[in-house]
Protein backbone atom coordinates (compact mmCIF):
# COMPACT_ATOMS: atom_id res chain seq x y z
CA MET A 1 0.00 0.00 0.00
CA ASP A 2 2.90 2.36 0.62
CA ASP A 3 3.73 2.37 -3.10
CA ALA A 4 0.16 3.27 -4.06
CA CYS A 5 -0.24 6.31 -1.77
CA ASP A 6 1.38 9.70 -1.57
CA TRP A 7 1.57 9.75 2.19
CA ILE A 8 1.37 12.87 4.31
CA SER A 9 2.87 12.52 7.79
CA SER A 10 1.03 14.52 10.43
CA PRO A 11 2.49 15.57 13.78
CA LEU A 12 1.34 13.45 16.71
CA THR A 13 -0.29 15.79 19.21
CA ASP A 14 -2.22 15.17 22.41
CA ASP A 15 -5.39 16.68 20.96
CA LEU A 16 -5.69 13.77 18.54
CA LEU A 17 -6.43 11.41 21.46
CA ARG A 18 -9.56 10.97 23.55
CA GLY A 19 -10.16 8.71 26.53
CA ALA A 20 -6.65 8.96 28.03
CA LEU A 21 -6.02 10.69 31.34
CA GLU A 22 -2.40 11.43 30.44
CA VAL A 23 -0.28 11.22 27.29
CA GLU A 24 3.44 10.55 27.63
CA ARG A 25 5.90 11.78 25.01
CA THR A 26 8.33 8.88 24.54
CA ALA A 27 12.05 8.90 23.78
CA ARG A 28 11.22 7.92 20.19
CA GLY A 29 9.02 10.98 19.81
CA GLY A 30 5.85 8.94 19.98
CA LEU A 31 2.78 9.17 22.17
CA LEU A 32 1.99 6.64 24.89
CA PRO A 33 -1.54 6.98 26.30
CA HIS A 34 -2.04 6.33 30.01
CA ARG A 35 -5.35 5.68 31.75
CA LEU A 36 -3.92 6.62 35.14
CA PRO A 37 -2.03 9.90 35.69
CA ALA A 38 1.54 9.86 36.95
CA PRO A 39 0.68 10.59 40.63
CA ALA A 40 -1.66 7.59 40.69
CA ARG A 41 0.90 5.35 39.00
CA ALA A 42 3.45 6.38 41.61
CA ARG A 43 1.09 5.31 44.40
CA ALA A 44 0.53 1.85 42.93
CA GLY A 45 3.71 0.58 44.59
CA GLY A 46 5.16 -0.85 41.41
CA ASP A 47 2.36 -3.39 41.05
CA PRO A 48 2.94 -4.96 37.61
CA GLN A 49 -0.76 -5.74 37.20
CA VAL A 50 -1.78 -2.09 37.53
CA ALA A 51 1.18 -0.94 35.43
CA GLN A 52 0.19 -3.25 32.60
CA ALA A 53 -3.54 -2.57 32.75
CA GLU A 54 -3.44 1.22 32.88
CA VAL A 55 -1.25 1.50 29.79
CA GLN A 56 -3.47 -0.83 27.75
CA PRO A 57 -5.62 1.81 26.03
CA SER A 58 -9.15 0.49 26.53
CA GLY A 59 -11.56 3.17 25.38
CA VAL A 60 -8.74 5.38 24.03
CA ARG A 61 -9.22 6.50 20.46
CA MET A 62 -7.52 8.71 17.91
CA VAL A 63 -9.99 11.22 16.48
CA PHE A 64 -9.48 13.70 13.62
CA ARG A 65 -11.10 15.25 10.56
CA THR A 66 -9.82 14.59 7.06
CA ARG A 67 -10.70 13.94 3.42
CA ALA A 68 -8.21 11.06 3.32
CA THR A 69 -9.17 7.75 1.74
CA ALA A 70 -6.22 5.93 3.33
CA VAL A 71 -4.99 6.11 6.93
CA ALA A 72 -2.03 4.34 8.55
CA LEU A 73 -0.81 4.34 12.14
CA ASP A 74 2.79 3.43 12.85
CA VAL A 75 2.99 1.81 16.27
CA ARG A 76 5.20 -0.11 18.61
CA ARG A 77 2.88 -2.43 20.46
CA THR A 78 3.55 -4.70 23.41
CA VAL A 79 1.58 -7.94 23.42
CA THR A 80 1.30 -10.39 26.28
CA GLY A 81 2.09 -14.10 26.02
CA HIS A 82 2.27 -17.04 28.40
CA PRO A 83 4.88 -19.83 28.26
CA GLY A 84 3.41 -23.11 27.06
CA LEU A 85 0.28 -21.52 25.61
CA PRO A 86 -0.51 -20.39 22.04
CA PRO A 87 -0.15 -16.66 21.32
CA LEU A 88 -3.15 -14.55 22.25
CA PRO A 89 -5.17 -13.05 19.39
CA ASN A 90 -3.91 -9.74 18.04
CA GLY A 91 -5.67 -6.71 19.45
CA ALA A 92 -8.23 -5.05 17.19
CA TYR A 93 -8.08 -1.46 15.94
CA ASP A 94 -11.65 -0.42 15.06
CA LEU A 95 -12.27 2.36 12.53
CA TYR A 96 -15.35 4.58 12.66
CA VAL A 97 -16.28 7.15 10.01
CA ASP A 98 -18.77 9.79 11.13
CA GLY A 99 -19.69 7.52 14.02
CA GLU A 100 -20.35 4.41 11.92
CA PRO A 101 -18.19 1.23 11.90
CA ALA A 102 -15.97 1.26 8.83
CA GLY A 103 -13.26 -1.36 9.35
CA ARG A 104 -11.12 -3.40 11.68
CA ALA A 105 -7.42 -4.22 11.44
CA THR A 106 -4.53 -5.54 13.53
CA ALA A 107 -0.98 -4.26 13.81
CA SER A 108 2.20 -6.05 12.87
CA GLY A 109 5.48 -6.31 14.80
CA GLY A 110 5.82 -5.41 18.44
CA ASP A 111 7.45 -6.41 21.70
CA VAL A 112 6.29 -9.52 23.54
CA LEU A 113 5.88 -9.59 27.32
CA MET A 114 5.94 -13.20 28.50
CA VAL A 115 4.15 -13.71 31.82
CA ASP A 116 4.53 -17.06 33.54
CA LEU A 117 1.16 -17.92 35.05
CA SER A 118 2.72 -20.28 37.58
CA ASP A 119 4.81 -17.69 39.40
CA GLY A 120 4.05 -14.31 37.79
CA THR A 121 7.57 -13.75 36.48
CA ARG A 122 7.84 -11.50 33.42
CA GLU A 123 10.33 -11.23 30.58
CA LEU A 124 10.23 -8.73 27.72
CA PHE A 125 11.35 -9.71 24.22
CA PRO A 126 11.88 -6.62 22.02
CA GLY A 127 10.43 -6.57 18.52
CA ALA A 128 10.19 -4.27 15.54
CA PRO A 129 7.72 -1.40 15.05
CA GLY A 130 4.71 -2.15 12.92
CA SER A 131 1.69 -0.47 11.41
CA VAL A 132 -2.04 -0.73 10.99
CA ALA A 133 -3.75 0.64 7.88
CA PHE A 134 -7.22 1.34 6.48
CA THR A 135 -8.05 2.09 2.85
CA GLY A 136 -11.15 2.81 0.82
CA LEU A 137 -12.47 5.56 3.06
CA PRO A 138 -15.02 7.92 1.48
CA ALA A 139 -13.39 10.85 -0.31
CA ARG A 140 -15.18 13.60 1.62
CA GLU A 141 -14.67 15.67 4.73
CA LYS A 142 -15.42 13.36 7.65
CA SER A 143 -14.68 12.46 11.25
CA VAL A 144 -12.31 9.50 11.62
CA GLU A 145 -12.09 7.62 14.89
CA ILE A 146 -9.68 4.74 15.55
CA TRP A 147 -10.22 2.79 18.77
CA LEU A 148 -7.00 1.31 20.15
CA PRO A 149 -6.96 -2.28 21.47
CA TYR A 150 -7.56 -3.07 25.13
CA THR A 151 -5.15 -6.03 25.08
CA GLU A 152 -1.96 -4.30 23.92
CA THR A 153 0.22 -1.42 24.97
CA VAL A 154 0.33 0.97 22.02
CA GLU A 155 3.07 3.55 21.50
CA LEU A 156 1.93 5.73 18.60
CA LEU A 157 4.89 6.54 16.37
CA GLY A 158 3.31 8.12 13.31
CA LEU A 159 0.10 9.05 11.53
CA ARG A 160 0.10 8.87 7.73
CA THR A 161 -2.75 9.78 5.42
CA ASP A 162 -3.25 10.71 1.76
CA ALA A 163 -4.83 14.05 2.72
CA SER A 164 -4.28 16.53 5.53
CA VAL A 165 -5.79 16.01 8.98
CA ALA A 166 -7.02 18.33 11.71
CA PRO A 167 -8.02 17.62 15.31
CA GLU A 168 -11.73 17.07 15.84
CA GLY A 169 -13.42 19.79 17.86
CA PRO A 170 -15.34 19.14 21.08
CA SER A 171 -18.22 16.73 20.57
CA GLY A 172 -20.59 18.53 22.91
CA ARG A 173 -21.62 15.18 24.37
CA ARG A 174 -21.68 14.42 28.08
CA VAL A 175 -18.63 12.59 29.46
CA TRP A 176 -19.17 9.25 31.19
CA LEU A 177 -16.35 8.15 33.50
CA HIS A 178 -16.40 4.44 34.35
CA HIS A 179 -14.22 2.29 36.60
CA GLY A 180 -14.30 -1.48 36.85
CA SER A 181 -12.32 -4.70 36.47
CA SER A 182 -11.05 -6.68 33.48
CA ILE A 183 -14.64 -7.25 32.32
CA SER A 184 -15.13 -3.49 32.04
CA GLN A 185 -11.69 -3.10 30.45
CA GLY A 186 -12.90 -5.49 27.75
CA SER A 187 -11.67 -9.01 28.52
CA CYS A 188 -13.06 -11.49 25.96
CA ALA A 189 -14.78 -8.76 23.92
CA ASP A 190 -13.84 -8.47 20.26
CA SER A 191 -12.34 -5.01 20.69
CA SER A 192 -12.32 -1.88 22.85
CA ALA A 193 -15.17 -0.45 20.80
CA THR A 194 -17.29 -3.56 21.39
CA ALA A 195 -16.58 -3.95 25.12
CA TRP A 196 -19.77 -3.42 27.06
CA PRO A 197 -18.99 0.11 28.35
CA ALA A 198 -18.21 1.34 24.82
CA LEU A 199 -21.44 -0.16 23.48
CA ALA A 200 -23.41 1.40 26.32
CA ALA A 201 -21.75 4.78 25.68
CA ALA A 202 -22.71 4.60 22.02
CA ALA A 203 -26.29 3.78 22.98
CA GLY A 204 -26.37 6.70 25.40
CA GLY A 205 -24.72 9.19 23.05
CA VAL A 206 -21.94 10.03 25.51
CA ASP A 207 -18.14 10.17 25.41
CA LEU A 208 -16.55 7.34 27.39
CA VAL A 209 -13.50 7.56 29.64
CA ASN A 210 -12.80 3.98 30.67
CA LEU A 211 -10.71 3.85 33.84
CA SER A 212 -11.19 0.10 34.30
CA LEU A 213 -8.14 -1.83 35.45
CA ALA A 214 -7.87 -5.56 34.81
CA GLY A 215 -7.18 -7.17 38.17
CA GLY A 216 -6.82 -3.72 39.75
CA ALA A 217 -10.33 -2.66 40.79
CA LEU A 218 -9.41 -2.91 44.47
CA LEU A 219 -10.84 0.31 45.95
CA ASP A 220 -7.36 1.84 45.91
CA PRO A 221 -7.25 5.47 47.09
CA PHE A 222 -5.08 6.46 44.10
CA THR A 223 -7.80 5.25 41.74
CA ALA A 224 -10.47 7.14 43.68
CA ARG A 225 -8.39 10.31 43.41
CA ALA A 226 -7.96 9.81 39.67
CA LEU A 227 -11.74 9.51 39.33
CA ARG A 228 -12.21 12.54 41.55
CA ASP A 229 -9.88 14.70 39.45
CA THR A 230 -11.18 13.68 36.00
CA PRO A 231 -13.83 16.01 34.56
CA ALA A 232 -17.05 14.09 33.95
CA ASP A 233 -20.81 14.52 33.82
CA LEU A 234 -21.66 10.91 34.72
CA VAL A 235 -19.71 8.46 36.90
CA SER A 236 -20.03 4.74 37.55
CA VAL A 237 -17.97 2.31 39.59
CA LYS A 238 -18.25 -1.45 39.29
CA ILE A 239 -17.01 -3.10 42.47
CA GLY A 240 -16.39 -6.63 43.64
CA ILE A 241 -14.90 -9.33 41.47
CA ASN A 242 -11.26 -8.27 41.87
CA LEU A 243 -11.63 -7.92 45.64
CA VAL A 244 -12.96 -11.46 45.88
CA GLY A 245 -10.51 -12.87 43.35
CA ALA A 246 -7.50 -11.30 45.05
CA ASP A 247 -8.78 -12.18 48.53
CA ALA A 248 -7.86 -8.58 49.23
CA MET A 249 -9.90 -7.81 52.35
CA ARG A 250 -12.48 -9.07 54.79
CA LEU A 251 -16.02 -7.82 55.32
CA ARG A 252 -14.96 -5.56 58.21
CA ALA A 253 -12.62 -3.61 55.88
CA PHE A 254 -14.84 -3.75 52.81
CA GLY A 255 -17.64 -1.47 54.00
CA PRO A 256 -15.42 1.40 55.17
CA ALA A 257 -13.30 1.04 52.02
CA VAL A 258 -16.38 1.45 49.83
CA HIS A 259 -17.46 4.49 51.83
CA GLY A 260 -13.99 6.04 51.57
CA PHE A 261 -13.80 5.39 47.83
CA LEU A 262 -17.20 6.97 47.20
CA ASP A 263 -16.41 9.89 49.52
CA THR A 264 -13.30 10.68 47.47
CA VAL A 265 -15.14 10.43 44.15
CA ARG A 266 -17.85 12.72 45.51
CA GLU A 267 -15.25 15.38 46.40
CA GLY A 268 -14.71 15.98 42.70
CA HIS A 269 -18.23 15.18 41.48
CA PRO A 270 -20.62 16.38 44.19
CA THR A 271 -23.77 16.44 42.04
CA ALA A 272 -22.95 14.19 39.08
CA PRO A 273 -25.07 11.03 38.83
CA LEU A 274 -22.99 8.29 40.48
CA LEU A 275 -23.94 4.69 39.78
CA VAL A 276 -22.56 1.83 41.90
CA VAL A 277 -22.68 -1.50 40.05
CA SER A 278 -22.22 -4.83 41.83
CA PRO A 279 -20.64 -7.91 40.18
CA VAL A 280 -22.19 -9.82 37.31
CA LEU A 281 -22.85 -13.50 37.88
CA CYS A 282 -19.74 -15.67 38.26
CA PRO A 283 -20.67 -19.12 39.60
CA ALA A 284 -17.12 -19.87 40.72
CA HIS A 285 -17.24 -17.07 43.30
CA GLU A 286 -20.93 -16.69 44.13
CA ASP A 287 -20.48 -18.56 47.42
CA THR A 288 -16.79 -19.46 47.34
CA PRO A 289 -14.18 -16.90 48.45
CA GLY A 290 -10.91 -16.24 46.69
CA PRO A 291 -8.20 -16.26 45.84
CA THR A 292 -8.69 -17.01 42.15
CA ALA A 293 -6.00 -19.04 40.41
CA PRO A 294 -5.37 -19.70 36.71
CA ASP A 295 -5.55 -23.34 35.67
CA VAL A 296 -3.80 -24.16 32.38
CA ARG A 297 -5.74 -26.80 30.48
CA GLY A 298 -4.73 -27.90 27.02
CA ASP A 299 -4.49 -24.78 24.89
CA GLY A 300 -6.22 -22.36 27.27
CA VAL A 301 -6.72 -21.09 30.78
CA VAL A 302 -9.69 -21.36 33.12
CA PHE A 303 -9.94 -19.76 36.54
CA THR A 304 -10.64 -21.59 39.78
CA ALA A 305 -11.75 -20.33 43.18
CA LEU A 306 -9.44 -21.65 45.90
CA GLY A 307 -11.28 -20.46 49.01
CA ASP A 308 -13.49 -22.43 51.36
CA PRO A 309 -17.19 -21.42 51.51
CA ALA A 310 -17.10 -21.98 55.27
CA GLU A 311 -14.66 -19.06 55.56
CA THR A 312 -17.43 -16.55 54.84
CA ALA A 313 -18.41 -16.97 58.49
CA SER A 314 -15.10 -15.36 59.46
CA GLY A 315 -15.56 -12.44 57.05
CA LYS A 316 -14.17 -13.67 53.74
CA LEU A 317 -15.85 -12.07 50.75
CA THR A 318 -17.92 -13.79 48.10
CA LEU A 319 -19.85 -12.15 45.28
CA ARG A 320 -23.12 -12.74 47.12
CA VAL A 321 -21.75 -11.02 50.23
CA VAL A 322 -20.39 -8.12 48.17
CA ARG A 323 -23.72 -7.55 46.42
CA GLU A 324 -25.62 -7.50 49.71
CA GLU A 325 -23.18 -5.06 51.26
CA LEU A 326 -23.14 -2.73 48.23
CA ALA A 327 -26.94 -2.66 48.19
CA ARG A 328 -26.99 -1.78 51.89
CA ILE A 329 -24.30 0.91 51.60
CA THR A 330 -25.81 2.65 48.59
CA ALA A 331 -29.30 2.60 50.12
CA GLU A 332 -27.96 4.24 53.29
CA ARG A 333 -25.97 6.86 51.39
CA ALA A 334 -28.82 7.59 48.96
CA ALA A 335 -30.90 8.85 51.86
CA SER A 336 -28.70 11.96 51.85
CA ASP A 337 -27.35 11.76 48.28
CA PRO A 338 -30.12 12.07 45.69
CA TYR A 339 -27.66 11.56 42.84
CA LEU A 340 -26.45 8.14 44.00
CA PHE A 341 -27.82 5.01 42.32
CA HIS A 342 -27.32 1.24 42.48
CA LEU A 343 -27.46 -1.56 39.92
CA ASP A 344 -27.26 -5.27 40.70
CA GLY A 345 -24.74 -6.62 38.20
CA ARG A 346 -26.86 -9.71 37.60
CA VAL A 347 -29.25 -7.48 35.66
CA LEU A 348 -26.47 -7.21 33.09
CA TYR A 349 -25.46 -10.90 33.19
CA GLY A 350 -27.33 -13.38 35.38
CA GLU A 351 -28.23 -17.02 35.70
CA ALA A 352 -30.28 -17.25 32.50
CA ASP A 353 -27.47 -15.56 30.57
CA HIS A 354 -24.92 -17.97 31.99
CA ALA A 355 -27.03 -20.92 30.88
CA GLU A 356 -27.07 -19.52 27.33
CA LEU A 357 -23.66 -17.81 27.20
CA PRO A 358 -21.41 -19.48 29.80
CA LEU A 359 -18.19 -17.80 30.85
CA PRO A 360 -15.56 -19.36 28.55
CA ASP A 361 -12.80 -19.19 31.16
CA ARG A 362 -15.17 -19.27 34.19
CA LEU A 363 -14.49 -15.59 34.86
CA HIS A 364 -15.05 -13.33 31.83
CA PRO A 365 -18.15 -12.97 29.61
CA ASP A 366 -17.60 -13.61 25.91
CA ALA A 367 -18.13 -11.19 23.04
CA ALA A 368 -21.85 -11.98 22.72
CA ALA A 369 -22.33 -11.42 26.44
CA HIS A 370 -20.50 -8.08 26.20
CA ARG A 371 -23.00 -7.00 23.55
CA ARG A 372 -25.89 -8.04 25.77
CA MET A 373 -24.42 -6.26 28.79
CA GLY A 374 -23.88 -3.09 26.77
CA GLU A 375 -27.48 -3.12 25.55
CA ARG A 376 -28.86 -3.71 29.03
CA PHE A 377 -26.71 -1.07 30.72
CA GLY A 378 -27.62 1.40 28.00
CA ALA A 379 -31.33 0.73 28.48
CA PHE A 380 -31.09 0.91 32.28
CA ALA A 381 -28.80 3.91 32.67
CA PHE A 382 -29.70 6.06 29.67
CA GLY A 383 -33.32 5.02 29.13
CA PRO A 384 -36.33 6.99 30.36
CA GLY A 385 -36.08 7.49 34.11
CA GLY A 386 -32.57 6.02 34.22
CA PRO A 387 -29.85 7.51 36.42
CA PHE A 388 -28.00 8.90 33.40
CA ALA A 389 -31.05 9.93 31.39
CA ALA A 390 -31.22 13.53 32.59
CA VAL A 391 -28.36 15.92 32.07
CA GLY A 392 -26.33 16.08 35.26
CA GLY A 393 -24.14 18.97 36.32
CA ARG A 394 -20.44 18.35 35.89
CA GLY A 395 -18.85 17.98 39.29
């Protein structure tokens, strides 16, 4: 394709990106989007899980106006692999033209981060830069939006087109800020643009900022402060599965931690609609505490709950316990906070859904379930009488 196009290279500037909380200028002159700002990253204590998740650009997209019929991104991606298992599928870059799906592609090249599931050790194998390209775009002035993959770190090295580009102006849409676990980040969805929060945002006509952290939705104060300090009109937090899976705390600590997290978010968004979402159905952890452990079987991984159900008597968390506590806490707080709302996650994915669309790895919904969850959240939150239906003041 390079031989067929007279490419124009455009400068990479921060205003070409949406959905990132911070954009780092790299030593190669590229842009590296972050979903946690530097102060929050510094407070994470060097946790490799958080470091990996926040730099995977779920919900981050490049947006610009152009008459170009061909667009190419030069990137250096970092993909994750696991010893003894086949390579994971390449992350998808979804193209939208004037808000409509117009193509999907994957990038070539890249570094490979090998993570040993048995002990968590990591080793990076450097690779070559690559590119992702789209052709056949309509030859008219248009808005072009490229959603970056949720599974890969993406350092943007260059933007090439066959016509000039300009940053897209403000959309005028409300901003929805969401925080959750790997399911909200996109795990097992086809792409960032088809993860359930992105689908719900499209249904609601809002701009998404996805601050979900795979394995890292642990009520950390640094995450609460990042949510507090990010401008938004609508806020939601999905709480539970990572706390159970990590066996991170007991019931005594959970309630005050939820209160503290919500208190911090409210400091920055005092009147924005704030929706607390409890976990979707996960049979492995409904009545069995964590920790969760990966179990390598054949050519894939399934997740197993290692706790003892009897331990709930001493305060260990299960998804059922978490849901009950979140319902109680939000009901109490709503008595003095008219902008606080609650959603039982099983409304998005429950027992009937599991019978039809079982969790392929016992933990994450598949692509079809993501679509269903996005439709249901959109109908609940943005539909008539929903918590996000009316325009809320930006906090």
